[in-house]
Amino acid sequence: MAAKQAVAVIAGVGPGTGAAIAKKFASLYDVVLLARTPASYESTAKEINDAGGSAIGFSADVQDEASVKNAFEEMTKKFPEKPLAAAIFNVGGAFYRKPFLELDSQMFKTGFETSALGAFIFAQAAIPHLLKAVDQSPAHPPSLFFTGATAALKGGPQMECFSPGKFAQRSLSQSLAKEFGPAGIHVSHLVVDGLIDTKKTKGWMKDAPEDSKISPDAIAETYWALHQQPRTTWTWEIDIRPYVEKW
């Protein structure tokens, strides 16, 4: 397989969407996989490497600035001459589905910081590398993508620890798009609106019509198509949902 000319980093790699995105981007790039524990990314890294691609994983907590900074430093050591073509924040966020009066402030803080502060820390670490890549001619414009959710657009009952962080993440991504788009970085927010088809959800929605869940591989194809957009036609926000999903 031909040597890769650039690197993609994905934060939040586990079974499902993160793994699918990593495998898709590995078709063109070396991929760096970030997750809190090695168990989350090891199988994906092995699958990519066994297929002839190039993947390496690092443990990183997106709420910890030093942890994320260290991961990017290790990435630079591993691929010192290669530009960063894509940085993808795919961290789902802490989810406590309880009545509001049963929540505590620590739950709210954890939920908010995972989605909002984590996105901020990841973006600050990635953007200097993406700015350098603008003039290093990767195959496609350098991209910074954020995985959002229905909760980024509307709140709901028992979503008080999840939705505020996703709202803030969406706002952050919009601000970054307006600041760094003119500098050559494609910033985009992707609203994943629906139940993702994973091992965890296999037994859910048994009576639903076929294709009622979102395929992780199809999500990855959408990210890839977005990454390939020329800068004359960039999309800031796109929503992804099954054909039967109400919205």
Protein backbone atom coordinates (compact mmCIF):
# COMPACT_ATOMS: atom_id res chain seq x y z
CA MET A 1 0.00 0.00 0.00
CA ALA A 2 1.31 3.48 -0.88
CA ALA A 3 2.64 5.58 1.97
CA LYS A 4 0.15 8.01 3.45
CA GLN A 5 0.85 11.70 2.88
CA ALA A 6 -1.09 13.17 5.81
CA VAL A 7 -2.67 12.38 9.17
CA ALA A 8 -6.19 12.36 10.59
CA VAL A 9 -6.92 12.38 14.33
CA ILE A 10 -10.21 11.15 15.77
CA ALA A 11 -11.16 11.75 19.41
CA GLY A 12 -13.79 9.41 20.77
CA VAL A 13 -12.94 6.13 19.06
CA GLY A 14 -14.94 3.18 20.27
CA PRO A 15 -17.19 0.59 18.69
CA GLY A 16 -19.63 2.20 16.30
CA THR A 17 -19.27 5.65 14.81
CA GLY A 18 -15.72 6.41 15.95
CA ALA A 19 -14.36 3.15 14.60
CA ALA A 20 -16.21 3.57 11.30
CA ILE A 21 -14.87 7.10 10.82
CA ALA A 22 -11.33 5.97 11.63
CA LYS A 23 -11.47 3.11 9.12
CA LYS A 24 -12.85 5.37 6.39
CA PHE A 25 -10.22 8.06 6.86
CA ALA A 26 -7.51 5.39 7.00
CA SER A 27 -8.15 4.83 3.28
CA LEU A 28 -6.12 7.98 2.59
CA TYR A 29 -4.38 8.96 5.85
CA ASP A 30 -2.44 7.66 8.79
CA VAL A 31 -4.96 7.79 11.62
CA VAL A 32 -4.44 8.68 15.27
CA LEU A 33 -7.11 7.30 17.59
CA LEU A 34 -7.87 8.96 20.92
CA ALA A 35 -9.96 7.53 23.74
CA ARG A 36 -9.82 7.44 27.52
CA THR A 37 -8.77 3.80 27.65
CA PRO A 38 -6.75 1.64 25.23
CA ALA A 39 -9.54 -0.95 25.21
CA SER A 40 -11.68 1.53 23.27
CA TYR A 41 -9.31 1.92 20.33
CA GLU A 42 -7.08 -1.17 20.27
CA SER A 43 -9.33 -3.39 18.16
CA THR A 44 -9.91 -0.62 15.61
CA ALA A 45 -6.19 0.13 15.35
CA LYS A 46 -5.45 -3.57 14.85
CA GLU A 47 -8.13 -3.93 12.18
CA ILE A 48 -6.76 -0.93 10.24
CA ASN A 49 -3.14 -2.10 10.52
CA ASP A 50 -4.01 -5.69 9.59
CA ALA A 51 -5.75 -4.38 6.46
CA GLY A 52 -2.59 -2.55 5.38
CA GLY A 53 -3.45 0.87 6.78
CA SER A 54 -1.66 2.84 9.46
CA ALA A 55 -3.21 3.50 12.86
CA ILE A 56 -1.92 4.31 16.31
CA GLY A 57 -3.87 5.02 19.49
CA PHE A 58 -3.22 7.21 22.51
CA SER A 59 -5.09 7.43 25.77
CA ALA A 60 -6.49 10.92 26.29
CA ASP A 61 -9.19 12.52 28.42
CA VAL A 62 -10.66 15.42 26.43
CA GLN A 63 -11.53 17.28 29.65
CA ASP A 64 -7.84 17.31 30.61
CA GLU A 65 -5.83 19.89 28.68
CA ALA A 66 -2.47 18.29 29.52
CA SER A 67 -3.72 14.88 28.40
CA VAL A 68 -4.85 16.15 25.00
CA LYS A 69 -1.72 18.25 24.53
CA ASN A 70 0.42 15.20 25.25
CA ALA A 71 -1.50 13.13 22.69
CA PHE A 72 -0.89 15.74 19.98
CA GLU A 73 2.78 15.91 20.91
CA GLU A 74 3.03 12.14 20.56
CA MET A 75 1.25 12.39 17.20
CA THR A 76 3.84 14.92 16.02
CA LYS A 77 6.69 12.67 17.14
CA LYS A 78 5.18 9.72 15.30
CA PHE A 79 4.48 11.67 12.09
CA PRO A 80 6.89 14.62 12.19
CA GLU A 81 6.76 15.57 8.52
CA LYS A 82 3.11 14.95 7.75
CA PRO A 83 0.35 17.62 7.79
CA LEU A 84 -2.82 17.15 9.80
CA ALA A 85 -5.56 16.79 7.20
CA ALA A 86 -8.51 16.19 9.52
CA ALA A 87 -9.36 16.47 13.21
CA ILE A 88 -12.66 14.94 14.31
CA PHE A 89 -14.25 15.38 17.75
CA ASN A 90 -16.55 12.40 18.09
CA VAL A 91 -16.92 12.34 21.88
CA GLY A 92 -20.50 11.47 22.75
CA GLY A 93 -20.66 13.23 26.10
CA ALA A 94 -21.76 12.08 29.54
CA PHE A 95 -25.43 11.13 29.62
CA TYR A 96 -27.44 10.98 32.83
CA ARG A 97 -31.08 10.35 32.02
CA LYS A 98 -32.78 11.18 35.30
CA PRO A 99 -35.50 13.57 36.45
CA PHE A 100 -34.02 17.03 36.93
CA LEU A 101 -34.53 17.06 40.71
CA GLU A 102 -32.53 13.84 41.04
CA LEU A 103 -29.46 15.32 39.35
CA ASP A 104 -26.59 16.99 41.13
CA SER A 105 -24.20 19.70 40.06
CA GLN A 106 -21.35 17.26 39.47
CA MET A 107 -23.43 15.37 36.92
CA PHE A 108 -24.18 18.62 35.13
CA LYS A 109 -20.53 19.65 35.24
CA THR A 110 -19.37 16.32 33.84
CA GLY A 111 -21.93 16.39 31.04
CA PHE A 112 -21.15 19.97 30.08
CA GLU A 113 -17.38 19.66 30.29
CA THR A 114 -17.23 16.49 28.21
CA SER A 115 -19.09 18.04 25.29
CA ALA A 116 -18.19 21.74 25.52
CA LEU A 117 -14.87 22.02 27.35
CA GLY A 118 -13.61 18.88 25.66
CA ALA A 119 -14.40 20.29 22.23
CA PHE A 120 -12.66 23.55 23.17
CA ILE A 121 -9.50 21.77 24.35
CA PHE A 122 -9.41 19.49 21.31
CA ALA A 123 -9.90 22.40 18.91
CA GLN A 124 -7.13 24.45 20.52
CA ALA A 125 -4.74 21.52 20.16
CA ALA A 126 -5.74 20.74 16.56
CA ILE A 127 -6.08 24.16 14.93
CA PRO A 128 -2.36 25.13 14.93
CA HIS A 129 -1.63 21.88 13.06
CA LEU A 130 -4.53 22.44 10.65
CA LEU A 131 -3.36 25.99 9.92
CA LYS A 132 0.07 24.65 8.99
CA ALA A 133 -1.58 22.10 6.72
CA VAL A 134 -3.37 24.78 4.66
CA ASP A 135 -0.13 25.52 2.78
CA GLN A 136 1.14 21.93 2.77
CA SER A 137 -1.33 20.84 0.09
CA PRO A 138 -3.07 17.78 1.56
CA ALA A 139 -5.48 16.04 -0.82
CA HIS A 140 -8.45 17.93 0.62
CA PRO A 141 -8.83 21.15 2.64
CA PRO A 142 -7.91 20.67 6.33
CA SER A 143 -11.05 19.81 8.27
CA LEU A 144 -12.24 20.18 11.86
CA PHE A 145 -15.47 18.26 12.47
CA PHE A 146 -17.67 17.95 15.56
CA THR A 147 -20.20 15.17 16.11
CA GLY A 148 -23.38 16.74 17.44
CA ALA A 149 -26.75 15.32 18.39
CA THR A 150 -30.44 16.11 18.35
CA ALA A 151 -29.84 17.63 21.79
CA ALA A 152 -27.69 20.32 20.20
CA LEU A 153 -30.82 21.75 18.58
CA LYS A 154 -33.53 21.13 21.15
CA GLY A 155 -33.73 20.23 24.81
CA GLY A 156 -36.06 17.65 26.26
CA PRO A 157 -37.18 16.06 29.52
CA GLN A 158 -34.30 14.48 31.47
CA MET A 159 -31.74 15.95 29.05
CA GLU A 160 -30.55 18.70 31.39
CA CYS A 161 -27.04 17.24 31.81
CA PHE A 162 -26.55 16.45 28.12
CA SER A 163 -28.26 19.06 26.00
CA PRO A 164 -26.54 22.22 27.38
CA GLY A 165 -23.10 20.87 26.53
CA LYS A 166 -24.19 19.92 23.02
CA PHE A 167 -25.73 23.36 22.50
CA ALA A 168 -22.42 24.93 23.58
CA GLN A 169 -20.41 22.61 21.34
CA ARG A 170 -22.54 23.61 18.36
CA SER A 171 -22.06 27.31 19.15
CA LEU A 172 -18.32 26.80 19.51
CA SER A 173 -18.10 25.07 16.14
CA GLN A 174 -20.01 27.90 14.46
CA SER A 175 -17.70 30.51 15.96
CA LEU A 176 -14.65 28.51 14.87
CA ALA A 177 -16.05 28.16 11.35
CA LYS A 178 -16.43 31.93 11.08
CA GLU A 179 -12.96 32.62 12.47
CA PHE A 180 -10.93 29.92 10.75
CA GLY A 181 -12.89 29.29 7.56
CA PRO A 182 -11.28 32.34 5.92
CA ALA A 183 -7.89 30.94 6.97
CA GLY A 184 -8.57 27.73 5.02
CA ILE A 185 -9.91 25.31 7.64
CA HIS A 186 -13.24 23.62 6.96
CA VAL A 187 -15.10 23.54 10.28
CA SER A 188 -18.35 21.61 10.37
CA HIS A 189 -20.93 20.41 12.89
CA LEU A 190 -22.78 17.18 12.17
CA VAL A 191 -26.12 16.53 13.86
CA VAL A 192 -26.62 12.79 14.27
CA ASP A 193 -30.37 12.55 14.80
CA GLY A 194 -31.44 9.00 15.53
CA LEU A 195 -30.42 5.70 17.07
CA ILE A 196 -27.09 4.38 15.83
CA ASP A 197 -26.93 0.70 14.90
CA THR A 198 -24.35 -0.85 17.25
CA LYS A 199 -24.02 -4.05 19.28
CA LYS A 200 -25.43 -2.16 22.25
CA THR A 201 -28.62 -1.24 20.38
CA LYS A 202 -29.18 -4.55 18.56
CA GLY A 203 -32.17 -5.45 20.69
CA TRP A 204 -33.78 -2.02 20.55
CA MET A 205 -36.62 -1.03 18.21
CA LYS A 206 -37.27 -4.66 17.20
CA ASP A 207 -40.61 -3.83 15.56
CA ALA A 208 -39.33 -0.78 13.66
CA PRO A 209 -39.12 -0.78 9.85
CA GLU A 210 -35.90 -1.87 8.18
CA ASP A 211 -33.11 0.75 8.22
CA SER A 212 -34.66 2.64 11.12
CA LYS A 213 -31.27 2.89 12.82
CA ILE A 214 -28.30 4.87 11.51
CA SER A 215 -25.49 2.79 10.05
CA PRO A 216 -22.07 3.82 11.49
CA ASP A 217 -20.47 3.10 8.11
CA ALA A 218 -22.98 5.41 6.41
CA ILE A 219 -22.19 8.11 8.97
CA ALA A 220 -18.51 7.71 8.11
CA GLU A 221 -19.29 8.09 4.41
CA THR A 222 -21.02 11.39 5.19
CA TYR A 223 -17.97 12.66 7.10
CA TRP A 224 -15.75 11.62 4.22
CA ALA A 225 -17.92 13.37 1.64
CA LEU A 226 -17.89 16.52 3.77
CA HIS A 227 -14.10 16.35 4.06
CA GLN A 228 -13.79 16.19 0.28
CA GLN A 229 -15.79 19.38 -0.32
CA PRO A 230 -13.76 22.04 -2.14
CA ARG A 231 -13.55 25.36 -0.33
CA THR A 232 -15.87 26.94 -2.90
CA THR A 233 -18.77 24.89 -1.47
CA TRP A 234 -18.21 24.24 2.23
CA THR A 235 -21.00 23.08 4.52
CA TRP A 236 -20.96 24.24 8.14
CA GLU A 237 -23.80 22.06 9.43
CA ILE A 238 -25.38 18.89 8.16
CA ASP A 239 -27.98 16.63 9.76
CA ILE A 240 -27.98 12.85 9.50
CA ARG A 241 -31.13 10.85 10.25
CA PRO A 242 -32.95 7.69 9.11
CA TYR A 243 -35.80 8.09 6.67
CA VAL A 244 -38.38 7.22 9.35
CA GLU A 245 -37.08 9.56 12.06
CA LYS A 246 -39.49 12.31 13.20
CA TRP A 247 -38.03 15.81 13.37
